[in-house]
Amino acid sequence: MSGMQEQFEIKFRLPDGTDIGPKQYPAASTVATLKETIIAQWPKDKEKGPRTVNDLKLINAGKILENNRTLSECKSPICDFSGMTTMHVVVRAPTQDKQSDKRAAKKTKDFRCGCAIM
C-alpha cells in the first residue's frame, strides 16, 4: 500500500448552471461534508441559498446521495469517479413553519359543509 488515500476530483453543478469547484476530496469524505462545503462556497449574489445540509440534495449518476455515506461507498459501475465527476445540486424549497401549517389546516376545517344526509 502506498499510504496515500484515494482522492476524487468533483465539481458541483448548481441549479442555474454555474459550478462550484472542481476540488479534490478524500474517498472517506461523507456526502454531508460535501454539502457543508457547497453551503460555505455558495455564491453570495444568488437568492434562496441553502441554509442547512438538509436543504440540499446531491445527485450523481441519477442517484440521490445519502448524507451518511462516504464517497467510496457511493461508487458504482455506472460512476466510478475516474477523472472529474460532476454532481448536480438540488435546493429544496423552503418549508413553511409549523404555525402557518396549523393555520392553513384550521382554515380548511372552517369551510366544511354542514349538511346532514338522512
Protein backbone atom coordinates (compact mmCIF):
# COMPACT_ATOMS: atom_id res chain seq x y z
CA MET A 1 0.00 0.00 0.00
CA SER A 2 1.26 3.45 -0.82
CA GLY A 3 -0.26 5.11 2.25
CA MET A 4 -1.94 7.74 0.10
CA GLN A 5 -5.67 7.95 0.39
CA GLU A 6 -7.70 7.85 -2.80
CA GLN A 7 -8.84 11.31 -3.93
CA PHE A 8 -11.79 12.21 -6.15
CA GLU A 9 -11.98 15.37 -8.22
CA ILE A 10 -15.54 16.72 -8.02
CA LYS A 11 -17.35 19.81 -9.20
CA PHE A 12 -20.88 20.73 -8.26
CA ARG A 13 -23.39 21.97 -10.84
CA LEU A 14 -25.84 24.44 -9.29
CA PRO A 15 -29.47 24.77 -10.46
CA ASP A 16 -28.67 27.85 -12.57
CA GLY A 17 -25.91 26.01 -14.47
CA THR A 18 -22.92 27.56 -12.69
CA ASP A 19 -20.32 25.39 -11.00
CA ILE A 20 -18.52 25.20 -7.66
CA GLY A 21 -15.13 23.56 -8.00
CA PRO A 22 -13.53 21.36 -9.16
CA LYS A 23 -11.75 20.33 -5.97
CA GLN A 24 -10.11 17.15 -4.65
CA TYR A 25 -11.95 15.25 -1.89
CA PRO A 26 -10.75 12.17 0.04
CA ALA A 27 -12.66 8.93 -0.54
CA ALA A 28 -13.58 8.92 3.17
CA SER A 29 -15.48 12.24 2.86
CA THR A 30 -19.17 11.94 3.62
CA VAL A 31 -21.90 13.41 1.46
CA ALA A 32 -22.83 15.68 4.39
CA THR A 33 -19.27 17.07 4.35
CA LEU A 34 -19.60 17.82 0.64
CA LYS A 35 -22.88 19.60 1.29
CA GLU A 36 -21.25 21.71 4.02
CA THR A 37 -18.57 22.70 1.51
CA ILE A 38 -21.24 23.69 -1.01
CA ILE A 39 -23.07 25.84 1.57
CA ALA A 40 -19.79 27.56 2.52
CA GLN A 41 -18.93 28.26 -1.13
CA TRP A 42 -22.46 29.13 -2.28
CA PRO A 43 -22.36 32.36 -4.35
CA LYS A 44 -23.47 35.25 -2.14
CA ASP A 45 -25.22 37.03 -5.01
CA LYS A 46 -27.66 34.16 -5.57
CA GLU A 47 -31.07 34.28 -3.93
CA LYS A 48 -32.57 31.43 -1.95
CA GLY A 49 -29.33 29.75 -1.00
CA PRO A 50 -29.37 26.67 1.22
CA ARG A 51 -29.07 27.20 4.97
CA THR A 52 -28.54 23.62 6.16
CA VAL A 53 -27.28 20.31 4.82
CA ASN A 54 -30.89 19.07 4.66
CA ASP A 55 -31.76 21.90 2.22
CA LEU A 56 -29.56 20.25 -0.42
CA LYS A 57 -29.69 17.07 -2.44
CA LEU A 58 -26.68 15.78 -4.38
CA ILE A 59 -27.35 13.71 -7.47
CA ASN A 60 -24.70 11.59 -9.15
CA ALA A 61 -25.32 9.14 -11.97
CA GLY A 62 -29.08 9.55 -11.42
CA LYS A 63 -28.91 8.61 -7.73
CA ILE A 64 -29.65 10.87 -4.77
CA LEU A 65 -26.73 10.50 -2.38
CA GLU A 66 -27.41 9.93 1.31
CA ASN A 67 -25.77 12.23 3.89
CA ASN A 68 -24.18 9.45 5.95
CA ARG A 69 -22.46 7.65 3.05
CA THR A 70 -18.85 8.20 2.06
CA LEU A 71 -17.67 8.85 -1.49
CA SER A 72 -16.11 5.39 -1.68
CA GLU A 73 -19.49 3.86 -0.73
CA CYS A 74 -21.21 5.86 -3.49
CA LYS A 75 -19.06 4.37 -6.26
CA SER A 76 -20.88 2.15 -8.72
CA PRO A 77 -20.19 0.55 -12.09
CA ILE A 78 -22.00 3.49 -13.69
CA CYS A 79 -19.99 6.09 -11.81
CA ASP A 80 -16.52 5.11 -10.71
CA PHE A 81 -15.29 8.68 -10.06
CA SER A 82 -12.49 8.30 -12.62
CA GLY A 83 -11.41 11.70 -13.88
CA MET A 84 -13.51 14.68 -12.86
CA THR A 85 -17.03 13.98 -11.66
CA THR A 86 -19.89 16.47 -11.85
CA MET A 87 -22.54 16.18 -9.15
CA HIS A 88 -25.81 18.02 -9.56
CA VAL A 89 -27.09 20.12 -6.66
CA VAL A 90 -30.82 20.49 -5.98
CA VAL A 91 -32.01 23.03 -3.41
CA ARG A 92 -35.19 22.15 -1.57
CA ALA A 93 -37.84 24.83 -1.47
CA PRO A 94 -38.10 26.42 1.97
CA THR A 95 -40.83 24.83 4.04
CA GLN A 96 -43.38 26.79 5.98
CA ASP A 97 -43.13 26.87 9.74
CA LYS A 98 -45.46 24.68 11.80
CA GLN A 99 -47.61 27.61 12.96
CA SER A 100 -48.57 28.60 9.42
CA ASP A 101 -49.25 24.92 8.60
CA LYS A 102 -51.66 24.73 11.56
CA ARG A 103 -53.39 27.95 10.46
CA ALA A 104 -53.80 26.63 6.93
CA ALA A 105 -55.25 23.37 8.25
CA LYS A 106 -57.63 25.28 10.52
CA LYS A 107 -58.85 27.43 7.62
CA THR A 108 -59.77 24.37 5.59
CA LYS A 109 -61.73 22.99 8.52
CA ASP A 110 -63.72 26.22 8.82
CA PHE A 111 -65.18 25.78 5.34
CA ARG A 112 -66.67 22.33 5.75
CA CYS A 113 -70.18 21.63 4.64
CA GLY A 114 -72.69 21.50 7.48
CA CYS A 115 -75.20 19.30 5.62
CA ALA A 116 -76.63 16.15 7.14
CA ILE A 117 -77.93 13.30 4.99
CA MET A 118 -80.93 11.47 6.43
